[in-house]
Amino acid sequence: MNSLLRELNYFLLKKNMITKPLEEEGLEEVFEDKLRRLLSHHGKQVQKWTAKEATIDGQNTYIRPGSLKPKGWQITFRDRFLASLQKGQGYLLVSRDDVLLIPLSEVRKVVTDSSAYKQNTIDVYVVFTKEKTTLTYIKNAIDVTQYKLRK
């Protein structure tokens, strides 16, 4: 059923029949004030914050809620974020209800093809289930459940 709903949302978006799919309960986007409180609760220090990036504990952090696609929540790396991913330096902050703060060194483990970094963009996907949270790129996947910032 969930798979069918994701496909239906995707179809309706592509046909411009809806502008935004209904988000699954528990996967709503988390906004700045709540994110900052959650990070503080986990002992993280925020030095800088803008709409798409922050400096947390001295590390550049890419803030993305992702966009729902049939494969999961798509997160696109481009420009300086792609360069940071290639170096494995900094964090990816996925601002969904199950907030994830994933080191880019871990994200790099799914993007194993060095030629991928020559592209303009790299798309990874986050899939939330009750049992675990998975990060995927093409056929590679890792469990990122341990990077959830519990409330």
C-alpha atoms as a PDB file:
ATOM      1  CA  MET A   1       0.000   0.000   0.000  1.00  0.00           C
ATOM      2  CA  ASN A   2       2.777   2.448   0.916  1.00  0.00           C
ATOM      3  CA  SER A   3       4.537   1.736  -2.354  1.00  0.00           C
ATOM      4  CA  LEU A   4       1.352   2.439  -4.295  1.00  0.00           C
ATOM      5  CA  LEU A   5       0.804   5.711  -2.420  1.00  0.00           C
ATOM      6  CA  ARG A   6       4.373   6.844  -3.201  1.00  0.00           C
ATOM      7  CA  GLU A   7       3.863   6.034  -6.886  1.00  0.00           C
ATOM      8  CA  LEU A   8       0.520   7.865  -6.928  1.00  0.00           C
ATOM      9  CA  ASN A   9       2.018  10.956  -5.278  1.00  0.00           C
ATOM     10  CA  TYR A  10       4.890  10.909  -7.775  1.00  0.00           C
ATOM     11  CA  PHE A  11       2.479  10.622 -10.725  1.00  0.00           C
ATOM     12  CA  LEU A  12       0.223  13.432  -9.454  1.00  0.00           C
ATOM     13  CA  LEU A  13       3.238  15.702  -8.935  1.00  0.00           C
ATOM     14  CA  LYS A  14       4.594  15.014 -12.425  1.00  0.00           C
ATOM     15  CA  LYS A  15       1.201  15.764 -13.988  1.00  0.00           C
ATOM     16  CA  ASN A  16       0.993  19.009 -11.970  1.00  0.00           C
ATOM     17  CA  MET A  17      -2.239  17.851 -10.383  1.00  0.00           C
ATOM     18  CA  ILE A  18      -0.801  18.525  -6.915  1.00  0.00           C
ATOM     19  CA  THR A  19       2.038  20.783  -5.798  1.00  0.00           C
ATOM     20  CA  LYS A  20       3.104  18.846  -2.713  1.00  0.00           C
ATOM     21  CA  PRO A  21       2.283  15.309  -1.591  1.00  0.00           C
ATOM     22  CA  LEU A  22       0.883  14.632   1.829  1.00  0.00           C
ATOM     23  CA  GLU A  23       3.750  13.685   4.065  1.00  0.00           C
ATOM     24  CA  GLU A  24       3.635  10.422   5.939  1.00  0.00           C
ATOM     25  CA  GLU A  25       2.864  10.857   9.600  1.00  0.00           C
ATOM     26  CA  GLY A  26       6.145  11.133  11.461  1.00  0.00           C
ATOM     27  CA  LEU A  27       8.070  12.324   8.403  1.00  0.00           C
ATOM     28  CA  GLU A  28       7.059  15.966   8.355  1.00  0.00           C
ATOM     29  CA  GLU A  29       9.760  18.554   7.722  1.00  0.00           C
ATOM     30  CA  VAL A  30      11.412  19.900  10.871  1.00  0.00           C
ATOM     31  CA  PHE A  31      12.199  23.614  10.775  1.00  0.00           C
ATOM     32  CA  GLU A  32      15.107  25.683  12.089  1.00  0.00           C
ATOM     33  CA  ASP A  33      13.987  26.465  15.651  1.00  0.00           C
ATOM     34  CA  LYS A  34      13.182  22.827  16.451  1.00  0.00           C
ATOM     35  CA  LEU A  35      16.332  21.601  14.676  1.00  0.00           C
ATOM     36  CA  ARG A  36      18.520  23.956  16.693  1.00  0.00           C
ATOM     37  CA  ARG A  37      16.906  22.841  19.971  1.00  0.00           C
ATOM     38  CA  LEU A  38      17.372  19.195  19.020  1.00  0.00           C
ATOM     39  CA  LEU A  39      21.028  19.739  18.123  1.00  0.00           C
ATOM     40  CA  SER A  40      21.602  21.615  21.376  1.00  0.00           C
ATOM     41  CA  HIS A  41      19.921  18.808  23.327  1.00  0.00           C
ATOM     42  CA  HIS A  42      22.467  16.419  21.787  1.00  0.00           C
ATOM     43  CA  GLY A  43      25.410  18.629  22.738  1.00  0.00           C
ATOM     44  CA  LYS A  44      26.042  20.009  19.258  1.00  0.00           C
ATOM     45  CA  GLN A  45      27.250  23.586  18.916  1.00  0.00           C
ATOM     46  CA  VAL A  46      25.836  25.672  16.042  1.00  0.00           C
ATOM     47  CA  GLN A  47      28.184  28.443  14.921  1.00  0.00           C
ATOM     48  CA  LYS A  48      26.382  29.525  11.717  1.00  0.00           C
ATOM     49  CA  TRP A  49      22.959  28.839  10.175  1.00  0.00           C
ATOM     50  CA  THR A  50      21.399  29.636   6.792  1.00  0.00           C
ATOM     51  CA  ALA A  51      18.534  28.043   4.857  1.00  0.00           C
ATOM     52  CA  LYS A  52      20.596  25.243   3.276  1.00  0.00           C
ATOM     53  CA  GLU A  53      23.741  25.042   5.347  1.00  0.00           C
ATOM     54  CA  ALA A  54      25.160  25.454   8.800  1.00  0.00           C
ATOM     55  CA  THR A  55      28.377  25.114  10.707  1.00  0.00           C
ATOM     56  CA  ILE A  56      27.917  22.573  13.484  1.00  0.00           C
ATOM     57  CA  ASP A  57      30.813  21.727  15.804  1.00  0.00           C
ATOM     58  CA  GLY A  58      33.088  23.523  13.324  1.00  0.00           C
ATOM     59  CA  GLN A  59      31.985  21.300  10.406  1.00  0.00           C
ATOM     60  CA  ASN A  60      30.143  22.449   7.279  1.00  0.00           C
ATOM     61  CA  THR A  61      26.678  20.922   7.298  1.00  0.00           C
ATOM     62  CA  TYR A  62      24.327  20.502   4.336  1.00  0.00           C
ATOM     63  CA  ILE A  63      20.680  20.899   5.506  1.00  0.00           C
ATOM     64  CA  ARG A  64      18.145  19.139   3.293  1.00  0.00           C
ATOM     65  CA  PRO A  65      14.646  17.807   3.935  1.00  0.00           C
ATOM     66  CA  GLY A  66      14.758  15.784   0.732  1.00  0.00           C
ATOM     67  CA  SER A  67      11.997  15.490  -1.812  1.00  0.00           C
ATOM     68  CA  LEU A  68       9.836  12.402  -1.881  1.00  0.00           C
ATOM     69  CA  LYS A  69      10.465  10.133  -4.854  1.00  0.00           C
ATOM     70  CA  PRO A  70       9.545   6.484  -5.446  1.00  0.00           C
ATOM     71  CA  LYS A  71      13.019   5.410  -4.206  1.00  0.00           C
ATOM     72  CA  GLY A  72      12.723   7.434  -0.960  1.00  0.00           C
ATOM     73  CA  TRP A  73      13.613  10.979   0.114  1.00  0.00           C
ATOM     74  CA  GLN A  74      15.945  12.277  -2.610  1.00  0.00           C
ATOM     75  CA  ILE A  75      18.855  14.472  -1.574  1.00  0.00           C
ATOM     76  CA  THR A  76      20.939  16.069  -4.318  1.00  0.00           C
ATOM     77  CA  PHE A  77      24.566  17.069  -3.831  1.00  0.00           C
ATOM     78  CA  ARG A  78      25.956  19.739  -6.157  1.00  0.00           C
ATOM     79  CA  ASP A  79      28.592  22.484  -6.189  1.00  0.00           C
ATOM     80  CA  ARG A  80      30.480  22.935  -2.910  1.00  0.00           C
ATOM     81  CA  PHE A  81      28.334  20.278  -1.193  1.00  0.00           C
ATOM     82  CA  LEU A  82      29.455  17.791  -3.826  1.00  0.00           C
ATOM     83  CA  ALA A  83      33.077  18.788  -3.174  1.00  0.00           C
ATOM     84  CA  SER A  84      32.545  18.287   0.588  1.00  0.00           C
ATOM     85  CA  LEU A  85      31.006  14.873  -0.066  1.00  0.00           C
ATOM     86  CA  GLN A  86      33.977  13.871  -2.208  1.00  0.00           C
ATOM     87  CA  LYS A  87      36.338  14.851   0.633  1.00  0.00           C
ATOM     88  CA  GLY A  88      34.071  13.202   3.217  1.00  0.00           C
ATOM     89  CA  GLN A  89      34.171  16.323   5.378  1.00  0.00           C
ATOM     90  CA  GLY A  90      31.151  17.735   7.200  1.00  0.00           C
ATOM     91  CA  TYR A  91      27.609  16.517   7.781  1.00  0.00           C
ATOM     92  CA  LEU A  92      24.308  15.929   6.039  1.00  0.00           C
ATOM     93  CA  LEU A  93      21.401  17.092   8.218  1.00  0.00           C
ATOM     94  CA  VAL A  94      18.166  15.483   6.996  1.00  0.00           C
ATOM     95  CA  SER A  95      15.413  17.659   8.443  1.00  0.00           C
ATOM     96  CA  ARG A  96      12.565  15.168   8.617  1.00  0.00           C
ATOM     97  CA  ASP A  97      10.796  14.140  11.820  1.00  0.00           C
ATOM     98  CA  ASP A  98      13.388  11.411  12.288  1.00  0.00           C
ATOM     99  CA  VAL A  99      16.167  13.997  12.052  1.00  0.00           C
ATOM    100  CA  LEU A 100      19.459  12.539  10.834  1.00  0.00           C
ATOM    101  CA  LEU A 101      22.918  14.058  11.286  1.00  0.00           C
ATOM    102  CA  ILE A 102      25.074  11.858   9.054  1.00  0.00           C
ATOM    103  CA  PRO A 103      28.820  12.430   8.639  1.00  0.00           C
ATOM    104  CA  LEU A 104      29.658  12.869   4.961  1.00  0.00           C
ATOM    105  CA  SER A 105      32.358  10.232   5.448  1.00  0.00           C
ATOM    106  CA  GLU A 106      29.459   7.764   5.959  1.00  0.00           C
ATOM    107  CA  VAL A 107      27.504   9.077   2.960  1.00  0.00           C
ATOM    108  CA  ARG A 108      30.673   8.602   0.926  1.00  0.00           C
ATOM    109  CA  LYS A 109      30.512   4.865   1.702  1.00  0.00           C
ATOM    110  CA  VAL A 110      27.525   4.464  -0.637  1.00  0.00           C
ATOM    111  CA  VAL A 111      29.017   6.612  -3.421  1.00  0.00           C
ATOM    112  CA  THR A 112      31.899   4.272  -4.174  1.00  0.00           C
ATOM    113  CA  ASP A 113      32.257   4.974  -7.903  1.00  0.00           C
ATOM    114  CA  SER A 114      34.928   7.695  -8.213  1.00  0.00           C
ATOM    115  CA  SER A 115      33.571   8.727 -11.643  1.00  0.00           C
ATOM    116  CA  ALA A 116      30.324   9.808  -9.935  1.00  0.00           C
ATOM    117  CA  TYR A 117      32.157  12.832  -8.529  1.00  0.00           C
ATOM    118  CA  LYS A 118      32.811  14.084 -12.079  1.00  0.00           C
ATOM    119  CA  GLN A 119      29.052  14.555 -12.599  1.00  0.00           C
ATOM    120  CA  ASN A 120      27.266  17.844 -11.843  1.00  0.00           C
ATOM    121  CA  THR A 121      25.050  16.187  -9.222  1.00  0.00           C
ATOM    122  CA  ILE A 122      24.810  13.067  -7.097  1.00  0.00           C
ATOM    123  CA  ASP A 123      21.426  11.911  -5.802  1.00  0.00           C
ATOM    124  CA  VAL A 124      21.182   9.763  -2.701  1.00  0.00           C
ATOM    125  CA  TYR A 125      17.987   8.471  -1.121  1.00  0.00           C
ATOM    126  CA  VAL A 126      16.906   8.096   2.497  1.00  0.00           C
ATOM    127  CA  VAL A 127      14.267   5.494   3.292  1.00  0.00           C
ATOM    128  CA  PHE A 128      12.615   5.588   6.714  1.00  0.00           C
ATOM    129  CA  THR A 129      10.982   2.413   8.015  1.00  0.00           C
ATOM    130  CA  LYS A 130       9.960   1.417  11.529  1.00  0.00           C
ATOM    131  CA  GLU A 131      12.891  -0.999  11.764  1.00  0.00           C
ATOM    132  CA  LYS A 132      15.700   1.124  10.330  1.00  0.00           C
ATOM    133  CA  THR A 133      16.698   4.068   8.173  1.00  0.00           C
ATOM    134  CA  THR A 134      18.684   3.377   5.025  1.00  0.00           C
ATOM    135  CA  LEU A 135      20.795   5.619   2.785  1.00  0.00           C
ATOM    136  CA  THR A 136      21.147   4.417  -0.815  1.00  0.00           C
ATOM    137  CA  TYR A 137      22.969   5.358  -3.990  1.00  0.00           C
ATOM    138  CA  ILE A 138      22.248   3.250  -7.069  1.00  0.00           C
ATOM    139  CA  LYS A 139      22.740  -0.308  -5.705  1.00  0.00           C
ATOM    140  CA  ASN A 140      24.736   0.554  -2.576  1.00  0.00           C
ATOM    141  CA  ALA A 141      23.003   0.983   0.771  1.00  0.00           C
ATOM    142  CA  ILE A 142      23.979   1.522   4.396  1.00  0.00           C
ATOM    143  CA  ASP A 143      22.007   1.591   7.619  1.00  0.00           C
ATOM    144  CA  VAL A 144      22.061   5.146   9.051  1.00  0.00           C
ATOM    145  CA  THR A 145      19.671   4.544  11.947  1.00  0.00           C
ATOM    146  CA  GLN A 146      22.439   5.281  14.442  1.00  0.00           C
ATOM    147  CA  TYR A 147      22.601   8.891  13.217  1.00  0.00           C
ATOM    148  CA  LYS A 148      19.042   9.741  14.267  1.00  0.00           C
ATOM    149  CA  LEU A 149      18.810  12.565  16.758  1.00  0.00           C
ATOM    150  CA  ARG A 150      16.315  11.100  19.187  1.00  0.00           C
ATOM    151  CA  LYS A 151      13.886  13.501  20.797  1.00  0.00           C
END
